[in-house]
């Protein structure tokens, strides 16, 4: 799996994440608080919206306004909090480039 994606500034950002329960892990994420931020190359933090699937086995991370992103490499991870335990996904990179068409 690639941990870097090229993304055009000004586009609506959306990423679907699928949860596959491991042995001993929760059966779904319905009782888990999921959050995610994107930090652009200028250091600005953009909180994302998380939309959980009804079955708790996937969710969509989205951000509708990316027009103010600084060009360059942004970074993002996902935070999971359940039962007093907090853990994070791997950090992935967004190569933010400028759009050509206005």
PDB file of N, CA and C in Angstrom:
ATOM      1  N   UNK A   1       0.836  -1.180   0.000  1.00  0.00           N
ATOM      2  CA  UNK A   1       0.000   0.000   0.000  1.00  0.00           C
ATOM      3  C   UNK A   1       0.880   1.242   0.000  1.00  0.00           C
ATOM      4  N   UNK A   2       0.565   2.175  -0.869  1.00  0.00           N
ATOM      5  CA  UNK A   2       1.304   3.431  -0.930  1.00  0.00           C
ATOM      6  C   UNK A   2       0.914   4.308   0.248  1.00  0.00           C
ATOM      7  N   UNK A   3       1.891   4.978   0.826  1.00  0.00           N
ATOM      8  CA  UNK A   3       1.598   5.893   1.929  1.00  0.00           C
ATOM      9  C   UNK A   3       1.685   7.345   1.481  1.00  0.00           C
ATOM     10  N   UNK A   4       1.811   7.579   0.159  1.00  0.00           N
ATOM     11  CA  UNK A   4       1.817   8.935  -0.380  1.00  0.00           C
ATOM     12  C   UNK A   4       0.826   9.004  -1.538  1.00  0.00           C
ATOM     13  N   UNK A   5      -0.028  10.030  -1.515  1.00  0.00           N
ATOM     14  CA  UNK A   5      -1.027  10.242  -2.559  1.00  0.00           C
ATOM     15  C   UNK A   5      -0.883  11.669  -3.055  1.00  0.00           C
ATOM     16  N   UNK A   6      -0.950  11.877  -4.374  1.00  0.00           N
ATOM     17  CA  UNK A   6      -0.942  13.228  -4.929  1.00  0.00           C
ATOM     18  C   UNK A   6      -2.376  13.749  -4.941  1.00  0.00           C
ATOM     19  N   UNK A   7      -2.544  14.978  -4.469  1.00  0.00           N
ATOM     20  CA  UNK A   7      -3.865  15.567  -4.272  1.00  0.00           C
ATOM     21  C   UNK A   7      -3.829  17.013  -4.744  1.00  0.00           C
ATOM     22  N   UNK A   8      -4.835  17.455  -5.502  1.00  0.00           N
ATOM     23  CA  UNK A   8      -4.871  18.838  -5.988  1.00  0.00           C
ATOM     24  C   UNK A   8      -5.581  19.761  -4.994  1.00  0.00           C
ATOM     25  N   UNK A   9      -4.886  20.822  -4.629  1.00  0.00           N
ATOM     26  CA  UNK A   9      -5.452  21.829  -3.724  1.00  0.00           C
ATOM     27  C   UNK A   9      -6.768  22.335  -4.304  1.00  0.00           C
ATOM     28  N   UNK A  10      -7.756  22.498  -3.458  1.00  0.00           N
ATOM     29  CA  UNK A  10      -9.064  22.988  -3.882  1.00  0.00           C
ATOM     30  C   UNK A  10     -10.062  21.879  -4.155  1.00  0.00           C
ATOM     31  N   UNK A  11      -9.585  20.635  -4.264  1.00  0.00           N
ATOM     32  CA  UNK A  11     -10.477  19.493  -4.469  1.00  0.00           C
ATOM     33  C   UNK A  11     -11.106  19.080  -3.140  1.00  0.00           C
ATOM     34  N   UNK A  12     -12.269  18.480  -3.216  1.00  0.00           N
ATOM     35  CA  UNK A  12     -12.853  17.873  -2.026  1.00  0.00           C
ATOM     36  C   UNK A  12     -12.065  16.614  -1.713  1.00  0.00           C
ATOM     37  N   UNK A  13     -11.666  16.461  -0.464  1.00  0.00           N
ATOM     38  CA  UNK A  13     -10.876  15.310  -0.047  1.00  0.00           C
ATOM     39  C   UNK A  13     -11.804  14.273   0.568  1.00  0.00           C
ATOM     40  N   UNK A  14     -11.671  13.026   0.142  1.00  0.00           N
ATOM     41  CA  UNK A  14     -12.426  11.924   0.746  1.00  0.00           C
ATOM     42  C   UNK A  14     -11.612  10.649   0.624  1.00  0.00           C
ATOM     43  N   UNK A  15     -11.537   9.914   1.718  1.00  0.00           N
ATOM     44  CA  UNK A  15     -10.819   8.638   1.739  1.00  0.00           C
ATOM     45  C   UNK A  15     -11.666   7.628   2.502  1.00  0.00           C
ATOM     46  N   UNK A  16     -11.885   6.477   1.900  1.00  0.00           N
ATOM     47  CA  UNK A  16     -12.633   5.411   2.557  1.00  0.00           C
ATOM     48  C   UNK A  16     -11.655   4.454   3.233  1.00  0.00           C
ATOM     49  N   UNK A  17     -11.926   4.152   4.484  1.00  0.00           N
ATOM     50  CA  UNK A  17     -11.085   3.248   5.267  1.00  0.00           C
ATOM     51  C   UNK A  17     -11.925   2.032   5.652  1.00  0.00           C
ATOM     52  N   UNK A  18     -11.408   0.851   5.393  1.00  0.00           N
ATOM     53  CA  UNK A  18     -12.088  -0.388   5.750  1.00  0.00           C
ATOM     54  C   UNK A  18     -11.411  -1.001   6.973  1.00  0.00           C
ATOM     55  N   UNK A  19     -12.228  -1.378   7.948  1.00  0.00           N
ATOM     56  CA  UNK A  19     -11.735  -2.004   9.178  1.00  0.00           C
ATOM     57  C   UNK A  19     -11.931  -3.508   9.092  1.00  0.00           C
ATOM     58  N   UNK A  20     -10.855  -4.250   9.284  1.00  0.00           N
ATOM     59  CA  UNK A  20     -10.913  -5.706   9.336  1.00  0.00           C
ATOM     60  C   UNK A  20     -10.487  -6.130  10.736  1.00  0.00           C
ATOM     61  N   UNK A  21     -11.426  -6.608  11.546  1.00  0.00           N
ATOM     62  CA  UNK A  21     -11.096  -6.959  12.931  1.00  0.00           C
ATOM     63  C   UNK A  21     -10.053  -8.075  13.017  1.00  0.00           C
ATOM     64  N   UNK A  22      -9.059  -7.849  13.851  1.00  0.00           N
ATOM     65  CA  UNK A  22      -8.054  -8.883  14.140  1.00  0.00           C
ATOM     66  C   UNK A  22      -8.546  -9.715  15.325  1.00  0.00           C
ATOM     67  N   UNK A  23      -7.913 -10.838  15.557  1.00  0.00           N
ATOM     68  CA  UNK A  23      -8.265 -11.682  16.700  1.00  0.00           C
ATOM     69  C   UNK A  23      -8.149 -10.881  17.989  1.00  0.00           C
ATOM     70  N   UNK A  24      -9.201 -10.884  18.773  1.00  0.00           N
ATOM     71  CA  UNK A  24      -9.206 -10.168  20.043  1.00  0.00           C
ATOM     72  C   UNK A  24      -9.542  -8.691  19.939  1.00  0.00           C
ATOM     73  N   UNK A  25      -9.674  -8.182  18.732  1.00  0.00           N
ATOM     74  CA  UNK A  25     -10.006  -6.766  18.516  1.00  0.00           C
ATOM     75  C   UNK A  25     -11.526  -6.602  18.523  1.00  0.00           C
ATOM     76  N   UNK A  26     -11.998  -5.364  18.672  1.00  0.00           N
ATOM     77  CA  UNK A  26     -13.443  -5.139  18.600  1.00  0.00           C
ATOM     78  C   UNK A  26     -14.013  -5.645  17.271  1.00  0.00           C
ATOM     79  N   UNK A  27     -15.239  -6.153  17.308  1.00  0.00           N
ATOM     80  CA  UNK A  27     -15.891  -6.684  16.106  1.00  0.00           C
ATOM     81  C   UNK A  27     -16.195  -5.590  15.098  1.00  0.00           C
ATOM     82  N   UNK A  28     -16.359  -4.360  15.581  1.00  0.00           N
ATOM     83  CA  UNK A  28     -16.605  -3.213  14.705  1.00  0.00           C
ATOM     84  C   UNK A  28     -16.161  -1.948  15.443  1.00  0.00           C
ATOM     85  N   UNK A  29     -16.292  -0.805  14.793  1.00  0.00           N
ATOM     86  CA  UNK A  29     -15.824   0.471  15.369  1.00  0.00           C
ATOM     87  C   UNK A  29     -16.961   1.332  15.912  1.00  0.00           C
ATOM     88  N   UNK A  30     -18.142   0.747  16.102  1.00  0.00           N
ATOM     89  CA  UNK A  30     -19.293   1.550  16.524  1.00  0.00           C
ATOM     90  C   UNK A  30     -19.112   2.187  17.896  1.00  0.00           C
ATOM     91  N   UNK A  31     -18.341   1.579  18.780  1.00  0.00           N
ATOM     92  CA  UNK A  31     -18.112   2.177  20.104  1.00  0.00           C
ATOM     93  C   UNK A  31     -16.736   2.838  20.194  1.00  0.00           C
ATOM     94  N   UNK A  32     -16.109   3.057  19.046  1.00  0.00           N
ATOM     95  CA  UNK A  32     -14.786   3.678  18.978  1.00  0.00           C
ATOM     96  C   UNK A  32     -14.919   5.103  18.468  1.00  0.00           C
ATOM     97  N   UNK A  33     -14.227   6.030  19.110  1.00  0.00           N
ATOM     98  CA  UNK A  33     -14.177   7.407  18.615  1.00  0.00           C
ATOM     99  C   UNK A  33     -13.036   7.496  17.611  1.00  0.00           C
ATOM    100  N   UNK A  34     -13.372   7.890  16.386  1.00  0.00           N
ATOM    101  CA  UNK A  34     -12.392   7.985  15.311  1.00  0.00           C
ATOM    102  C   UNK A  34     -12.257   9.453  14.928  1.00  0.00           C
ATOM    103  N   UNK A  35     -11.019   9.934  14.829  1.00  0.00           N
ATOM    104  CA  UNK A  35     -10.782  11.316  14.413  1.00  0.00           C
ATOM    105  C   UNK A  35      -9.534  11.374  13.542  1.00  0.00           C
ATOM    106  N   UNK A  36      -9.424  12.451  12.762  1.00  0.00           N
ATOM    107  CA  UNK A  36      -8.278  12.597  11.870  1.00  0.00           C
ATOM    108  C   UNK A  36      -8.085  14.061  11.520  1.00  0.00           C
ATOM    109  N   UNK A  37      -6.834  14.472  11.470  1.00  0.00           N
ATOM    110  CA  UNK A  37      -6.461  15.818  11.039  1.00  0.00           C
ATOM    111  C   UNK A  37      -5.482  15.708   9.882  1.00  0.00           C
ATOM    112  N   UNK A  38      -5.485  16.729   9.048  1.00  0.00           N
ATOM    113  CA  UNK A  38      -4.443  16.894   8.027  1.00  0.00           C
ATOM    114  C   UNK A  38      -3.648  18.120   8.426  1.00  0.00           C
ATOM    115  N   UNK A  39      -2.323  18.003   8.413  1.00  0.00           N
ATOM    116  CA  UNK A  39      -1.448  19.143   8.665  1.00  0.00           C
ATOM    117  C   UNK A  39      -0.714  19.424   7.364  1.00  0.00           C
ATOM    118  N   UNK A  40      -0.928  20.626   6.806  1.00  0.00           N
ATOM    119  CA  UNK A  40      -0.290  20.937   5.522  1.00  0.00           C
ATOM    120  C   UNK A  40       1.169  21.338   5.715  1.00  0.00           C
ATOM    121  N   UNK A  41       1.862  21.587   4.616  1.00  0.00           N
ATOM    122  CA  UNK A  41       3.299  21.887   4.689  1.00  0.00           C
ATOM    123  C   UNK A  41       3.593  23.206   5.399  1.00  0.00           C
ATOM    124  N   UNK A  42       2.579  24.056   5.538  1.00  0.00           N
ATOM    125  CA  UNK A  42       2.744  25.310   6.261  1.00  0.00           C
ATOM    126  C   UNK A  42       2.437  25.187   7.746  1.00  0.00           C
ATOM    127  N   UNK A  43       2.050  23.982   8.185  1.00  0.00           N
ATOM    128  CA  UNK A  43       1.776  23.759   9.600  1.00  0.00           C
ATOM    129  C   UNK A  43       0.333  23.994  10.014  1.00  0.00           C
ATOM    130  N   UNK A  44      -0.538  24.337   9.070  1.00  0.00           N
ATOM    131  CA  UNK A  44      -1.951  24.548   9.401  1.00  0.00           C
ATOM    132  C   UNK A  44      -2.635  23.201   9.607  1.00  0.00           C
ATOM    133  N   UNK A  45      -3.502  23.125  10.628  1.00  0.00           N
ATOM    134  CA  UNK A  45      -4.205  21.891  10.957  1.00  0.00           C
ATOM    135  C   UNK A  45      -5.643  21.985  10.444  1.00  0.00           C
ATOM    136  N   UNK A  46      -6.073  20.934   9.743  1.00  0.00           N
ATOM    137  CA  UNK A  46      -7.418  20.866   9.184  1.00  0.00           C
ATOM    138  C   UNK A  46      -8.118  19.630   9.743  1.00  0.00           C
ATOM    139  N   UNK A  47      -9.054  19.805  10.694  1.00  0.00           N
ATOM    140  CA  UNK A  47      -9.798  18.664  11.225  1.00  0.00           C
ATOM    141  C   UNK A  47     -10.727  18.099  10.141  1.00  0.00           C
ATOM    142  N   UNK A  48     -10.744  16.800  10.015  1.00  0.00           N
ATOM    143  CA  UNK A  48     -11.570  16.132   9.015  1.00  0.00           C
ATOM    144  C   UNK A  48     -12.875  15.647   9.639  1.00  0.00           C
ATOM    145  N   UNK A  49     -13.856  15.400   8.786  1.00  0.00           N
ATOM    146  CA  UNK A  49     -15.125  14.808   9.196  1.00  0.00           C
ATOM    147  C   UNK A  49     -15.023  13.302   9.023  1.00  0.00           C
ATOM    148  N   UNK A  50     -15.506  12.567  10.019  1.00  0.00           N
ATOM    149  CA  UNK A  50     -15.532  11.106   9.948  1.00  0.00           C
ATOM    150  C   UNK A  50     -16.989  10.675   9.843  1.00  0.00           C
ATOM    151  N   UNK A  51     -17.309   9.891   8.811  1.00  0.00           N
ATOM    152  CA  UNK A  51     -18.655   9.350   8.636  1.00  0.00           C
ATOM    153  C   UNK A  51     -18.560   7.828   8.707  1.00  0.00           C
ATOM    154  N   UNK A  52     -19.065   7.284   9.814  1.00  0.00           N
ATOM    155  CA  UNK A  52     -18.981   5.855  10.061  1.00  0.00           C
ATOM    156  C   UNK A  52     -20.098   5.120   9.321  1.00  0.00           C
ATOM    157  N   UNK A  53     -19.773   3.985   8.732  1.00  0.00           N
ATOM    158  CA  UNK A  53     -20.782   3.128   8.107  1.00  0.00           C
ATOM    159  C   UNK A  53     -21.686   2.554   9.196  1.00  0.00           C
ATOM    160  N   UNK A  54     -22.945   2.280   8.883  1.00  0.00           N
ATOM    161  CA  UNK A  54     -23.869   1.742   9.893  1.00  0.00           C
ATOM    162  C   UNK A  54     -23.385   0.451  10.558  1.00  0.00           C
ATOM    163  N   UNK A  55     -22.612  -0.367   9.849  1.00  0.00           N
ATOM    164  CA  UNK A  55     -22.122  -1.623  10.434  1.00  0.00           C
ATOM    165  C   UNK A  55     -20.803  -1.462  11.195  1.00  0.00           C
ATOM    166  N   UNK A  56     -20.209  -0.253  11.154  1.00  0.00           N
ATOM    167  CA  UNK A  56     -18.967   0.014  11.877  1.00  0.00           C
ATOM    168  C   UNK A  56     -17.741  -0.649  11.298  1.00  0.00           C
ATOM    169  N   UNK A  57     -17.816  -1.121  10.056  1.00  0.00           N
ATOM    170  CA  UNK A  57     -16.679  -1.807   9.442  1.00  0.00           C
ATOM    171  C   UNK A  57     -15.961  -0.959   8.400  1.00  0.00           C
ATOM    172  N   UNK A  58     -16.406   0.264   8.217  1.00  0.00           N
ATOM    173  CA  UNK A  58     -15.700   1.209   7.348  1.00  0.00           C
ATOM    174  C   UNK A  58     -16.132   2.621   7.730  1.00  0.00           C
ATOM    175  N   UNK A  59     -15.342   3.590   7.281  1.00  0.00           N
ATOM    176  CA  UNK A  59     -15.695   4.986   7.492  1.00  0.00           C
ATOM    177  C   UNK A  59     -15.047   5.820   6.390  1.00  0.00           C
ATOM    178  N   UNK A  60     -15.610   7.013   6.196  1.00  0.00           N
ATOM    179  CA  UNK A  60     -15.076   7.949   5.213  1.00  0.00           C
ATOM    180  C   UNK A  60     -14.509   9.146   5.964  1.00  0.00           C
ATOM    181  N   UNK A  61     -13.277   9.494   5.619  1.00  0.00           N
ATOM    182  CA  UNK A  61     -12.633  10.705   6.131  1.00  0.00           C
ATOM    183  C   UNK A  61     -12.804  11.750   5.039  1.00  0.00           C
ATOM    184  N   UNK A  62     -13.353  12.920   5.380  1.00  0.00           N
ATOM    185  CA  UNK A  62     -13.565  13.925   4.333  1.00  0.00           C
ATOM    186  C   UNK A  62     -13.262  15.330   4.824  1.00  0.00           C
ATOM    187  N   UNK A  63     -12.984  16.170   3.851  1.00  0.00           N
ATOM    188  CA  UNK A  63     -12.726  17.589   4.083  1.00  0.00           C
ATOM    189  C   UNK A  63     -13.165  18.307   2.819  1.00  0.00           C
ATOM    190  N   UNK A  64     -14.156  19.186   2.937  1.00  0.00           N
ATOM    191  CA  UNK A  64     -14.727  19.790   1.730  1.00  0.00           C
ATOM    192  C   UNK A  64     -13.942  20.988   1.218  1.00  0.00           C
ATOM    193  N   UNK A  65     -13.249  21.706   2.091  1.00  0.00           N
ATOM    194  CA  UNK A  65     -12.555  22.909   1.636  1.00  0.00           C
ATOM    195  C   UNK A  65     -11.049  22.747   1.811  1.00  0.00           C
ATOM    196  N   UNK A  66     -10.357  22.539   0.707  1.00  0.00           N
ATOM    197  CA  UNK A  66      -8.899  22.404   0.745  1.00  0.00           C
ATOM    198  C   UNK A  66      -8.207  23.546   0.006  1.00  0.00           C
ATOM    199  N   UNK A  67      -8.957  24.597  -0.299  1.00  0.00           N
ATOM    200  CA  UNK A  67      -8.427  25.709  -1.096  1.00  0.00           C
ATOM    201  C   UNK A  67      -7.267  26.429  -0.416  1.00  0.00           C
ATOM    202  N   UNK A  68      -7.198  26.367   0.914  1.00  0.00           N
ATOM    203  CA  UNK A  68      -6.148  27.080   1.640  1.00  0.00           C
ATOM    204  C   UNK A  68      -4.932  26.213   1.949  1.00  0.00           C
ATOM    205  N   UNK A  69      -4.927  24.966   1.500  1.00  0.00           N
ATOM    206  CA  UNK A  69      -3.767  24.101   1.733  1.00  0.00           C
ATOM    207  C   UNK A  69      -2.516  24.733   1.137  1.00  0.00           C
ATOM    208  N   UNK A  70      -1.421  24.663   1.865  1.00  0.00           N
ATOM    209  CA  UNK A  70      -0.121  25.037   1.311  1.00  0.00           C
ATOM    210  C   UNK A  70       0.332  23.929   0.372  1.00  0.00           C
ATOM    211  N   UNK A  71       0.983  24.323  -0.729  1.00  0.00           N
ATOM    212  CA  UNK A  71       1.528  23.329  -1.645  1.00  0.00           C
ATOM    213  C   UNK A  71       2.688  22.611  -0.975  1.00  0.00           C
ATOM    214  N   UNK A  72       2.887  21.367  -1.328  1.00  0.00           N
ATOM    215  CA  UNK A  72       3.967  20.571  -0.740  1.00  0.00           C
ATOM    216  C   UNK A  72       3.401  19.350  -0.046  1.00  0.00           C
ATOM    217  N   UNK A  73       4.152  18.799   0.884  1.00  0.00           N
ATOM    218  CA  UNK A  73       3.773  17.555   1.532  1.00  0.00           C
ATOM    219  C   UNK A  73       2.989  17.808   2.808  1.00  0.00           C
ATOM    220  N   UNK A  74       1.748  17.338   2.809  1.00  0.00           N
ATOM    221  CA  UNK A  74       0.909  17.360   4.016  1.00  0.00           C
ATOM    222  C   UNK A  74       0.981  15.968   4.639  1.00  0.00           C
ATOM    223  N   UNK A  75       0.563  15.861   5.895  1.00  0.00           N
ATOM    224  CA  UNK A  75       0.561  14.553   6.546  1.00  0.00           C
ATOM    225  C   UNK A  75      -0.757  14.345   7.290  1.00  0.00           C
ATOM    226  N   UNK A  76      -1.107  13.075   7.454  1.00  0.00           N
ATOM    227  CA  UNK A  76      -2.370  12.721   8.096  1.00  0.00           C
ATOM    228  C   UNK A  76      -2.228  11.367   8.770  1.00  0.00           C
ATOM    229  N   UNK A  77      -2.921  11.204   9.891  1.00  0.00           N
ATOM    230  CA  UNK A  77      -3.092   9.891  10.489  1.00  0.00           C
ATOM    231  C   UNK A  77      -4.507   9.824  11.039  1.00  0.00           C
ATOM    232  N   UNK A  78      -4.861   8.673  11.586  1.00  0.00           N
ATOM    233  CA  UNK A  78      -6.194   8.469  12.140  1.00  0.00           C
ATOM    234  C   UNK A  78      -6.033   8.034  13.592  1.00  0.00           C
ATOM    235  N   UNK A  79      -6.807   8.667  14.476  1.00  0.00           N
ATOM    236  CA  UNK A  79      -6.773   8.355  15.907  1.00  0.00           C
ATOM    237  C   UNK A  79      -8.008   7.525  16.258  1.00  0.00           C
ATOM    238  N   UNK A  80      -7.790   6.445  17.021  1.00  0.00           N
ATOM    239  CA  UNK A  80      -8.860   5.580  17.488  1.00  0.00           C
ATOM    240  C   UNK A  80      -8.832   5.574  19.012  1.00  0.00           C
ATOM    241  N   UNK A  81      -9.978   5.804  19.633  1.00  0.00           N
ATOM    242  CA  UNK A  81     -10.061   5.786  21.100  1.00  0.00           C
ATOM    243  C   UNK A  81     -11.240   4.906  21.502  1.00  0.00           C
ATOM    244  N   UNK A  82     -10.949   3.888  22.311  1.00  0.00           N
ATOM    245  CA  UNK A  82     -12.005   2.989  22.773  1.00  0.00           C
ATOM    246  C   UNK A  82     -11.628   2.413  24.131  1.00  0.00           C
ATOM    247  N   UNK A  83     -12.556   2.429  25.046  1.00  0.00           N
ATOM    248  CA  UNK A  83     -12.336   1.831  26.363  1.00  0.00           C
ATOM    249  C   UNK A  83     -11.109   2.348  27.087  1.00  0.00           C
ATOM    250  N   UNK A  84     -10.791   3.625  26.926  1.00  0.00           N
ATOM    251  CA  UNK A  84      -9.633   4.206  27.584  1.00  0.00           C
ATOM    252  C   UNK A  84      -8.309   3.948  26.883  1.00  0.00           C
ATOM    253  N   UNK A  85      -8.342   3.250  25.756  1.00  0.00           N
ATOM    254  CA  UNK A  85      -7.142   2.962  24.978  1.00  0.00           C
ATOM    255  C   UNK A  85      -7.145   3.839  23.731  1.00  0.00           C
ATOM    256  N   UNK A  86      -5.990   4.456  23.432  1.00  0.00           N
ATOM    257  CA  UNK A  86      -5.841   5.295  22.247  1.00  0.00           C
ATOM    258  C   UNK A  86      -4.729   4.721  21.384  1.00  0.00           C
ATOM    259  N   UNK A  87      -4.982   4.622  20.093  1.00  0.00           N
ATOM    260  CA  UNK A  87      -3.927   4.223  19.166  1.00  0.00           C
ATOM    261  C   UNK A  87      -4.110   4.956  17.850  1.00  0.00           C
ATOM    262  N   UNK A  88      -3.050   4.985  17.044  1.00  0.00           N
ATOM    263  CA  UNK A  88      -3.010   5.759  15.805  1.00  0.00           C
ATOM    264  C   UNK A  88      -2.636   4.872  14.630  1.00  0.00           C
ATOM    265  N   UNK A  89      -3.135   5.249  13.461  1.00  0.00           N
ATOM    266  CA  UNK A  89      -2.717   4.575  12.236  1.00  0.00           C
ATOM    267  C   UNK A  89      -1.303   5.018  11.886  1.00  0.00           C
ATOM    268  N   UNK A  90      -0.766   4.413  10.861  1.00  0.00           N
ATOM    269  CA  UNK A  90       0.479   4.924  10.289  1.00  0.00           C
ATOM    270  C   UNK A  90       0.207   6.321   9.740  1.00  0.00           C
ATOM    271  N   UNK A  91       1.253   7.135   9.670  1.00  0.00           N
ATOM    272  CA  UNK A  91       1.115   8.462   9.058  1.00  0.00           C
ATOM    273  C   UNK A  91       1.258   8.305   7.556  1.00  0.00           C
ATOM    274  N   UNK A  92       0.344   8.949   6.826  1.00  0.00           N
ATOM    275  CA  UNK A  92       0.490   8.933   5.382  1.00  0.00           C
ATOM    276  C   UNK A  92       0.631  10.353   4.885  1.00  0.00           C
ATOM    277  N   UNK A  93       1.162  10.497   3.698  1.00  0.00           N
ATOM    278  CA  UNK A  93       1.511  11.796   3.118  1.00  0.00           C
ATOM    279  C   UNK A  93       0.585  12.143   1.966  1.00  0.00           C
ATOM    280  N   UNK A  94       0.312  13.425   1.853  1.00  0.00           N
ATOM    281  CA  UNK A  94      -0.458  13.969   0.726  1.00  0.00           C
ATOM    282  C   UNK A  94       0.467  14.942   0.003  1.00  0.00           C
ATOM    283  N   UNK A  95       0.792  14.643  -1.235  1.00  0.00           N
ATOM    284  CA  UNK A  95       1.580  15.555  -2.048  1.00  0.00           C
ATOM    285  C   UNK A  95       0.583  16.553  -2.652  1.00  0.00           C
ATOM    286  N   UNK A  96       0.494  17.744  -2.073  1.00  0.00           N
ATOM    287  CA  UNK A  96      -0.493  18.737  -2.495  1.00  0.00           C
ATOM    288  C   UNK A  96       0.083  19.566  -3.634  1.00  0.00           C
ATOM    289  N   UNK A  97      -0.563  19.489  -4.802  1.00  0.00           N
ATOM    290  CA  UNK A  97      -0.145  20.262  -5.961  1.00  0.00           C
ATOM    291  C   UNK A  97      -1.254  21.224  -6.349  1.00  0.00           C
ATOM    292  N   UNK A  98      -0.915  22.220  -7.148  1.00  0.00           N
ATOM    293  CA  UNK A  98      -1.886  23.214  -7.582  1.00  0.00           C
ATOM    294  C   UNK A  98      -2.684  22.681  -8.754  1.00  0.00           C
ATOM    295  N   UNK A  99      -3.942  23.074  -8.825  1.00  0.00           N
ATOM    296  CA  UNK A  99      -4.784  22.705  -9.955  1.00  0.00           C
ATOM    297  C   UNK A  99      -4.374  23.531 -11.184  1.00  0.00           C
ATOM    298  N   UNK A 100      -4.668  23.003 -12.357  1.00  0.00           N
ATOM    299  CA  UNK A 100      -4.335  23.679 -13.606  1.00  0.00           C
ATOM    300  C   UNK A 100      -5.508  24.536 -14.074  1.00  0.00           C
ATOM    301  N   UNK A 101      -6.700  23.973 -14.021  1.00  0.00           N
ATOM    302  CA  UNK A 101      -7.900  24.648 -14.508  1.00  0.00           C
ATOM    303  C   UNK A 101      -8.560  25.424 -13.386  1.00  0.00           C
ATOM    304  N   UNK A 102      -8.887  26.695 -13.659  1.00  0.00           N
ATOM    305  CA  UNK A 102      -9.601  27.506 -12.655  1.00  0.00           C
ATOM    306  C   UNK A 102     -11.089  27.416 -12.836  1.00  0.00           C
TER     307      UNK A 102
END
